[in-house]
């Protein structure tokens, strides 16, 4: 297990417009570009995006999800 990931605080966002694997990939790729992000997990069933990282700007994650084409709010 990566100790950085284990110690990294988690942020969760709701992106209800995601419906398919393409959505998942687009969101994952955009959010991974945000400074401080260590990992991204997208759950299409719950429409949740879980972000692990240190010093991650929530507004930057929301903007990244928006850039991927989906509205998002902190969950």
PDB file of N, CA and C in Angstrom:
ATOM      1  N   UNK A   1       0.848  -1.181   0.000  1.00  0.00           N
ATOM      2  CA  UNK A   1       0.000   0.000   0.000  1.00  0.00           C
ATOM      3  C   UNK A   1       0.885   1.232   0.000  1.00  0.00           C
ATOM      4  N   UNK A   2       0.546   2.203  -0.798  1.00  0.00           N
ATOM      5  CA  UNK A   2       1.273   3.466  -0.872  1.00  0.00           C
ATOM      6  C   UNK A   2       0.940   4.293   0.365  1.00  0.00           C
ATOM      7  N   UNK A   3       1.945   4.624   1.167  1.00  0.00           N
ATOM      8  CA  UNK A   3       1.703   5.383   2.394  1.00  0.00           C
ATOM      9  C   UNK A   3       1.174   6.776   2.111  1.00  0.00           C
ATOM     10  N   UNK A   4       1.592   7.383   1.002  1.00  0.00           N
ATOM     11  CA  UNK A   4       1.075   8.703   0.643  1.00  0.00           C
ATOM     12  C   UNK A   4      -0.425   8.630   0.430  1.00  0.00           C
ATOM     13  N   UNK A   5      -0.883   7.622  -0.269  1.00  0.00           N
ATOM     14  CA  UNK A   5      -2.312   7.463  -0.520  1.00  0.00           C
ATOM     15  C   UNK A   5      -3.063   7.193   0.776  1.00  0.00           C
ATOM     16  N   UNK A   6      -2.510   6.355   1.632  1.00  0.00           N
ATOM     17  CA  UNK A   6      -3.193   6.001   2.860  1.00  0.00           C
ATOM     18  C   UNK A   6      -3.370   7.208   3.776  1.00  0.00           C
ATOM     19  N   UNK A   7      -2.404   8.128   3.773  1.00  0.00           N
ATOM     20  CA  UNK A   7      -2.460   9.280   4.660  1.00  0.00           C
ATOM     21  C   UNK A   7      -3.167  10.483   4.031  1.00  0.00           C
ATOM     22  N   UNK A   8      -3.443  10.416   2.746  1.00  0.00           N
ATOM     23  CA  UNK A   8      -4.017  11.549   2.035  1.00  0.00           C
ATOM     24  C   UNK A   8      -5.489  11.735   2.404  1.00  0.00           C
ATOM     25  N   UNK A   9      -5.885  12.996   2.682  1.00  0.00           N
ATOM     26  CA  UNK A   9      -7.292  13.243   2.979  1.00  0.00           C
ATOM     27  C   UNK A   9      -8.169  12.993   1.739  1.00  0.00           C
ATOM     28  N   UNK A  10      -9.394  12.561   1.967  1.00  0.00           N
ATOM     29  CA  UNK A  10     -10.318  12.271   0.868  1.00  0.00           C
ATOM     30  C   UNK A  10     -11.325  13.405   0.693  1.00  0.00           C
ATOM     31  N   UNK A  11     -11.615  13.703  -0.548  1.00  0.00           N
ATOM     32  CA  UNK A  11     -12.673  14.643  -0.907  1.00  0.00           C
ATOM     33  C   UNK A  11     -13.654  13.870  -1.780  1.00  0.00           C
ATOM     34  N   UNK A  12     -14.941  14.126  -1.617  1.00  0.00           N
ATOM     35  CA  UNK A  12     -15.951  13.427  -2.409  1.00  0.00           C
ATOM     36  C   UNK A  12     -16.848  14.444  -3.091  1.00  0.00           C
ATOM     37  N   UNK A  13     -17.138  14.184  -4.359  1.00  0.00           N
ATOM     38  CA  UNK A  13     -17.962  15.069  -5.169  1.00  0.00           C
ATOM     39  C   UNK A  13     -19.066  14.259  -5.837  1.00  0.00           C
ATOM     40  N   UNK A  14     -20.208  14.878  -6.030  1.00  0.00           N
ATOM     41  CA  UNK A  14     -21.330  14.264  -6.739  1.00  0.00           C
ATOM     42  C   UNK A  14     -21.383  14.860  -8.142  1.00  0.00           C
ATOM     43  N   UNK A  15     -21.367  13.984  -9.146  1.00  0.00           N
ATOM     44  CA  UNK A  15     -21.452  14.396 -10.544  1.00  0.00           C
ATOM     45  C   UNK A  15     -22.549  13.574 -11.206  1.00  0.00           C
ATOM     46  N   UNK A  16     -23.812  13.992 -11.051  1.00  0.00           N
ATOM     47  CA  UNK A  16     -24.947  13.163 -11.476  1.00  0.00           C
ATOM     48  C   UNK A  16     -25.063  12.905 -12.978  1.00  0.00           C
ATOM     49  N   UNK A  17     -24.364  13.652 -13.806  1.00  0.00           N
ATOM     50  CA  UNK A  17     -24.484  13.457 -15.249  1.00  0.00           C
ATOM     51  C   UNK A  17     -23.672  12.297 -15.807  1.00  0.00           C
ATOM     52  N   UNK A  18     -22.829  11.699 -14.992  1.00  0.00           N
ATOM     53  CA  UNK A  18     -21.985  10.599 -15.474  1.00  0.00           C
ATOM     54  C   UNK A  18     -22.818   9.330 -15.643  1.00  0.00           C
ATOM     55  N   UNK A  19     -22.671   8.679 -16.812  1.00  0.00           N
ATOM     56  CA  UNK A  19     -23.473   7.488 -17.076  1.00  0.00           C
ATOM     57  C   UNK A  19     -22.704   6.310 -17.651  1.00  0.00           C
ATOM     58  N   UNK A  20     -21.469   6.538 -18.129  1.00  0.00           N
ATOM     59  CA  UNK A  20     -20.785   5.463 -18.848  1.00  0.00           C
ATOM     60  C   UNK A  20     -19.279   5.472 -18.581  1.00  0.00           C
ATOM     61  N   UNK A  21     -18.601   4.491 -19.137  1.00  0.00           N
ATOM     62  CA  UNK A  21     -17.149   4.378 -18.964  1.00  0.00           C
ATOM     63  C   UNK A  21     -16.418   5.588 -19.556  1.00  0.00           C
ATOM     64  N   UNK A  22     -16.942   6.145 -20.635  1.00  0.00           N
ATOM     65  CA  UNK A  22     -16.313   7.342 -21.205  1.00  0.00           C
ATOM     66  C   UNK A  22     -16.383   8.491 -20.199  1.00  0.00           C
ATOM     67  N   UNK A  23     -17.520   8.643 -19.541  1.00  0.00           N
ATOM     68  CA  UNK A  23     -17.674   9.674 -18.506  1.00  0.00           C
ATOM     69  C   UNK A  23     -16.620   9.468 -17.424  1.00  0.00           C
ATOM     70  N   UNK A  24     -16.506   8.239 -16.977  1.00  0.00           N
ATOM     71  CA  UNK A  24     -15.566   7.884 -15.908  1.00  0.00           C
ATOM     72  C   UNK A  24     -14.131   8.236 -16.314  1.00  0.00           C
ATOM     73  N   UNK A  25     -13.752   7.872 -17.521  1.00  0.00           N
ATOM     74  CA  UNK A  25     -12.408   8.137 -18.013  1.00  0.00           C
ATOM     75  C   UNK A  25     -12.149   9.636 -18.154  1.00  0.00           C
ATOM     76  N   UNK A  26     -13.115  10.358 -18.711  1.00  0.00           N
ATOM     77  CA  UNK A  26     -12.950  11.805 -18.910  1.00  0.00           C
ATOM     78  C   UNK A  26     -12.764  12.522 -17.577  1.00  0.00           C
ATOM     79  N   UNK A  27     -13.582  12.179 -16.591  1.00  0.00           N
ATOM     80  CA  UNK A  27     -13.492  12.809 -15.270  1.00  0.00           C
ATOM     81  C   UNK A  27     -12.173  12.434 -14.600  1.00  0.00           C
ATOM     82  N   UNK A  28     -11.814  11.167 -14.655  1.00  0.00           N
ATOM     83  CA  UNK A  28     -10.576  10.709 -14.033  1.00  0.00           C
ATOM     84  C   UNK A  28      -9.376  11.447 -14.612  1.00  0.00           C
ATOM     85  N   UNK A  29      -9.302  11.543 -15.929  1.00  0.00           N
ATOM     86  CA  UNK A  29      -8.168  12.206 -16.578  1.00  0.00           C
ATOM     87  C   UNK A  29      -8.069  13.676 -16.187  1.00  0.00           C
ATOM     88  N   UNK A  30      -9.195  14.377 -16.167  1.00  0.00           N
ATOM     89  CA  UNK A  30      -9.167  15.800 -15.819  1.00  0.00           C
ATOM     90  C   UNK A  30      -8.790  16.027 -14.359  1.00  0.00           C
ATOM     91  N   UNK A  31      -9.369  15.235 -13.469  1.00  0.00           N
ATOM     92  CA  UNK A  31      -9.115  15.433 -12.037  1.00  0.00           C
ATOM     93  C   UNK A  31      -7.669  15.065 -11.694  1.00  0.00           C
ATOM     94  N   UNK A  32      -7.093  14.085 -12.364  1.00  0.00           N
ATOM     95  CA  UNK A  32      -5.711  13.697 -12.092  1.00  0.00           C
ATOM     96  C   UNK A  32      -4.736  14.834 -12.386  1.00  0.00           C
ATOM     97  N   UNK A  33      -5.136  15.792 -13.191  1.00  0.00           N
ATOM     98  CA  UNK A  33      -4.280  16.930 -13.525  1.00  0.00           C
ATOM     99  C   UNK A  33      -4.258  18.001 -12.434  1.00  0.00           C
ATOM    100  N   UNK A  34      -5.165  17.927 -11.487  1.00  0.00           N
ATOM    101  CA  UNK A  34      -5.250  18.934 -10.416  1.00  0.00           C
ATOM    102  C   UNK A  34      -4.070  18.743  -9.452  1.00  0.00           C
ATOM    103  N   UNK A  35      -3.429  19.851  -9.103  1.00  0.00           N
ATOM    104  CA  UNK A  35      -2.276  19.802  -8.198  1.00  0.00           C
ATOM    105  C   UNK A  35      -2.631  19.135  -6.876  1.00  0.00           C
ATOM    106  N   UNK A  36      -1.764  18.226  -6.436  1.00  0.00           N
ATOM    107  CA  UNK A  36      -1.937  17.560  -5.154  1.00  0.00           C
ATOM    108  C   UNK A  36      -2.731  16.275  -5.194  1.00  0.00           C
ATOM    109  N   UNK A  37      -3.402  15.989  -6.307  1.00  0.00           N
ATOM    110  CA  UNK A  37      -4.220  14.770  -6.404  1.00  0.00           C
ATOM    111  C   UNK A  37      -3.306  13.547  -6.505  1.00  0.00           C
ATOM    112  N   UNK A  38      -3.567  12.574  -5.642  1.00  0.00           N
ATOM    113  CA  UNK A  38      -2.813  11.322  -5.628  1.00  0.00           C
ATOM    114  C   UNK A  38      -3.586  10.238  -6.363  1.00  0.00           C
ATOM    115  N   UNK A  39      -4.909  10.177  -6.157  1.00  0.00           N
ATOM    116  CA  UNK A  39      -5.722   9.182  -6.857  1.00  0.00           C
ATOM    117  C   UNK A  39      -7.158   9.673  -7.002  1.00  0.00           C
ATOM    118  N   UNK A  40      -7.822   9.090  -8.001  1.00  0.00           N
ATOM    119  CA  UNK A  40      -9.218   9.427  -8.302  1.00  0.00           C
ATOM    120  C   UNK A  40      -9.984   8.125  -8.484  1.00  0.00           C
ATOM    121  N   UNK A  41     -11.146   8.014  -7.849  1.00  0.00           N
ATOM    122  CA  UNK A  41     -12.013   6.852  -8.024  1.00  0.00           C
ATOM    123  C   UNK A  41     -13.405   7.359  -8.384  1.00  0.00           C
ATOM    124  N   UNK A  42     -13.923   6.887  -9.503  1.00  0.00           N
ATOM    125  CA  UNK A  42     -15.247   7.293  -9.970  1.00  0.00           C
ATOM    126  C   UNK A  42     -16.195   6.098  -9.869  1.00  0.00           C
ATOM    127  N   UNK A  43     -17.335   6.299  -9.211  1.00  0.00           N
ATOM    128  CA  UNK A  43     -18.350   5.252  -9.082  1.00  0.00           C
ATOM    129  C   UNK A  43     -19.574   5.679  -9.887  1.00  0.00           C
ATOM    130  N   UNK A  44     -19.803   5.011 -11.001  1.00  0.00           N
ATOM    131  CA  UNK A  44     -20.921   5.378 -11.872  1.00  0.00           C
ATOM    132  C   UNK A  44     -22.278   5.083 -11.249  1.00  0.00           C
ATOM    133  N   UNK A  45     -22.360   4.078 -10.391  1.00  0.00           N
ATOM    134  CA  UNK A  45     -23.639   3.747  -9.764  1.00  0.00           C
ATOM    135  C   UNK A  45     -24.099   4.837  -8.808  1.00  0.00           C
ATOM    136  N   UNK A  46     -23.171   5.363  -8.019  1.00  0.00           N
ATOM    137  CA  UNK A  46     -23.530   6.396  -7.038  1.00  0.00           C
ATOM    138  C   UNK A  46     -23.304   7.805  -7.563  1.00  0.00           C
ATOM    139  N   UNK A  47     -22.610   7.905  -8.713  1.00  0.00           N
ATOM    140  CA  UNK A  47     -22.267   9.204  -9.329  1.00  0.00           C
ATOM    141  C   UNK A  47     -21.275   9.980  -8.481  1.00  0.00           C
ATOM    142  N   UNK A  48     -20.472   9.265  -7.674  1.00  0.00           N
ATOM    143  CA  UNK A  48     -19.520   9.923  -6.786  1.00  0.00           C
ATOM    144  C   UNK A  48     -18.105   9.855  -7.349  1.00  0.00           C
ATOM    145  N   UNK A  49     -17.371  10.943  -7.130  1.00  0.00           N
ATOM    146  CA  UNK A  49     -15.966  11.033  -7.491  1.00  0.00           C
ATOM    147  C   UNK A  49     -15.203  11.223  -6.180  1.00  0.00           C
ATOM    148  N   UNK A  50     -14.346  10.268  -5.856  1.00  0.00           N
ATOM    149  CA  UNK A  50     -13.558  10.338  -4.611  1.00  0.00           C
ATOM    150  C   UNK A  50     -12.123  10.681  -4.992  1.00  0.00           C
ATOM    151  N   UNK A  51     -11.619  11.724  -4.369  1.00  0.00           N
ATOM    152  CA  UNK A  51     -10.286  12.236  -4.686  1.00  0.00           C
ATOM    153  C   UNK A  51      -9.419  12.154  -3.429  1.00  0.00           C
ATOM    154  N   UNK A  52      -8.245  11.571  -3.572  1.00  0.00           N
ATOM    155  CA  UNK A  52      -7.277  11.528  -2.485  1.00  0.00           C
ATOM    156  C   UNK A  52      -6.096  12.415  -2.861  1.00  0.00           C
ATOM    157  N   UNK A  53      -5.627  13.168  -1.899  1.00  0.00           N
ATOM    158  CA  UNK A  53      -4.474  14.011  -2.149  1.00  0.00           C
ATOM    159  C   UNK A  53      -4.198  14.925  -0.986  1.00  0.00           C
ATOM    160  N   UNK A  54      -3.179  15.709  -1.137  1.00  0.00           N
ATOM    161  CA  UNK A  54      -2.773  16.633  -0.091  1.00  0.00           C
ATOM    162  C   UNK A  54      -2.800  18.057  -0.637  1.00  0.00           C
ATOM    163  N   UNK A  55      -3.500  18.939   0.072  1.00  0.00           N
ATOM    164  CA  UNK A  55      -3.579  20.327  -0.363  1.00  0.00           C
ATOM    165  C   UNK A  55      -4.382  20.519  -1.631  1.00  0.00           C
ATOM    166  N   UNK A  56      -5.319  19.625  -1.898  1.00  0.00           N
ATOM    167  CA  UNK A  56      -6.128  19.699  -3.117  1.00  0.00           C
ATOM    168  C   UNK A  56      -7.179  20.800  -2.969  1.00  0.00           C
ATOM    169  N   UNK A  57      -7.258  21.667  -3.947  1.00  0.00           N
ATOM    170  CA  UNK A  57      -8.231  22.753  -3.973  1.00  0.00           C
ATOM    171  C   UNK A  57      -9.572  22.197  -4.486  1.00  0.00           C
ATOM    172  N   UNK A  58     -10.594  22.218  -3.617  1.00  0.00           N
ATOM    173  CA  UNK A  58     -11.906  21.674  -3.998  1.00  0.00           C
ATOM    174  C   UNK A  58     -12.460  22.363  -5.241  1.00  0.00           C
ATOM    175  N   UNK A  59     -12.289  23.677  -5.325  1.00  0.00           N
ATOM    176  CA  UNK A  59     -12.793  24.417  -6.488  1.00  0.00           C
ATOM    177  C   UNK A  59     -12.094  23.967  -7.767  1.00  0.00           C
ATOM    178  N   UNK A  60     -10.817  23.622  -7.671  1.00  0.00           N
ATOM    179  CA  UNK A  60     -10.075  23.140  -8.840  1.00  0.00           C
ATOM    180  C   UNK A  60     -10.596  21.785  -9.294  1.00  0.00           C
ATOM    181  N   UNK A  61     -10.987  20.939  -8.340  1.00  0.00           N
ATOM    182  CA  UNK A  61     -11.549  19.631  -8.693  1.00  0.00           C
ATOM    183  C   UNK A  61     -12.908  19.823  -9.371  1.00  0.00           C
ATOM    184  N   UNK A  62     -13.743  20.679  -8.815  1.00  0.00           N
ATOM    185  CA  UNK A  62     -15.045  20.962  -9.428  1.00  0.00           C
ATOM    186  C   UNK A  62     -14.848  21.506 -10.841  1.00  0.00           C
ATOM    187  N   UNK A  63     -13.872  22.409 -11.013  1.00  0.00           N
ATOM    188  CA  UNK A  63     -13.588  22.965 -12.339  1.00  0.00           C
ATOM    189  C   UNK A  63     -13.102  21.877 -13.298  1.00  0.00           C
ATOM    190  N   UNK A  64     -12.302  20.932 -12.801  1.00  0.00           N
ATOM    191  CA  UNK A  64     -11.814  19.837 -13.641  1.00  0.00           C
ATOM    192  C   UNK A  64     -12.963  18.932 -14.079  1.00  0.00           C
ATOM    193  N   UNK A  65     -13.871  18.638 -13.169  1.00  0.00           N
ATOM    194  CA  UNK A  65     -15.041  17.820 -13.512  1.00  0.00           C
ATOM    195  C   UNK A  65     -15.901  18.558 -14.535  1.00  0.00           C
ATOM    196  N   UNK A  66     -16.042  19.859 -14.336  1.00  0.00           N
ATOM    197  CA  UNK A  66     -16.773  20.688 -15.297  1.00  0.00           C
ATOM    198  C   UNK A  66     -16.091  20.654 -16.674  1.00  0.00           C
ATOM    199  N   UNK A  67     -14.774  20.742 -16.681  1.00  0.00           N
ATOM    200  CA  UNK A  67     -14.017  20.687 -17.937  1.00  0.00           C
ATOM    201  C   UNK A  67     -14.262  19.372 -18.664  1.00  0.00           C
ATOM    202  N   UNK A  68     -14.467  18.299 -17.885  1.00  0.00           N
ATOM    203  CA  UNK A  68     -14.765  16.997 -18.489  1.00  0.00           C
ATOM    204  C   UNK A  68     -16.197  16.939 -19.031  1.00  0.00           C
ATOM    205  N   UNK A  69     -17.012  17.940 -18.671  1.00  0.00           N
ATOM    206  CA  UNK A  69     -18.361  18.020 -19.235  1.00  0.00           C
ATOM    207  C   UNK A  69     -19.486  17.713 -18.250  1.00  0.00           C
ATOM    208  N   UNK A  70     -19.168  17.716 -16.953  1.00  0.00           N
ATOM    209  CA  UNK A  70     -20.186  17.328 -15.953  1.00  0.00           C
ATOM    210  C   UNK A  70     -20.248  18.330 -14.818  1.00  0.00           C
ATOM    211  N   UNK A  71     -21.451  18.610 -14.359  1.00  0.00           N
ATOM    212  CA  UNK A  71     -21.630  19.456 -13.187  1.00  0.00           C
ATOM    213  C   UNK A  71     -21.243  18.639 -11.966  1.00  0.00           C
ATOM    214  N   UNK A  72     -20.663  19.320 -10.963  1.00  0.00           N
ATOM    215  CA  UNK A  72     -20.267  18.613  -9.747  1.00  0.00           C
ATOM    216  C   UNK A  72     -20.443  19.512  -8.541  1.00  0.00           C
ATOM    217  N   UNK A  73     -20.749  18.883  -7.412  1.00  0.00           N
ATOM    218  CA  UNK A  73     -20.834  19.580  -6.134  1.00  0.00           C
ATOM    219  C   UNK A  73     -20.126  18.714  -5.102  1.00  0.00           C
ATOM    220  N   UNK A  74     -19.610  19.366  -4.072  1.00  0.00           N
ATOM    221  CA  UNK A  74     -18.996  18.627  -2.979  1.00  0.00           C
ATOM    222  C   UNK A  74     -20.054  17.782  -2.302  1.00  0.00           C
ATOM    223  N   UNK A  75     -19.741  16.517  -2.037  1.00  0.00           N
ATOM    224  CA  UNK A  75     -20.732  15.621  -1.428  1.00  0.00           C
ATOM    225  C   UNK A  75     -20.431  15.378   0.030  1.00  0.00           C
TER     226      UNK A  75
END
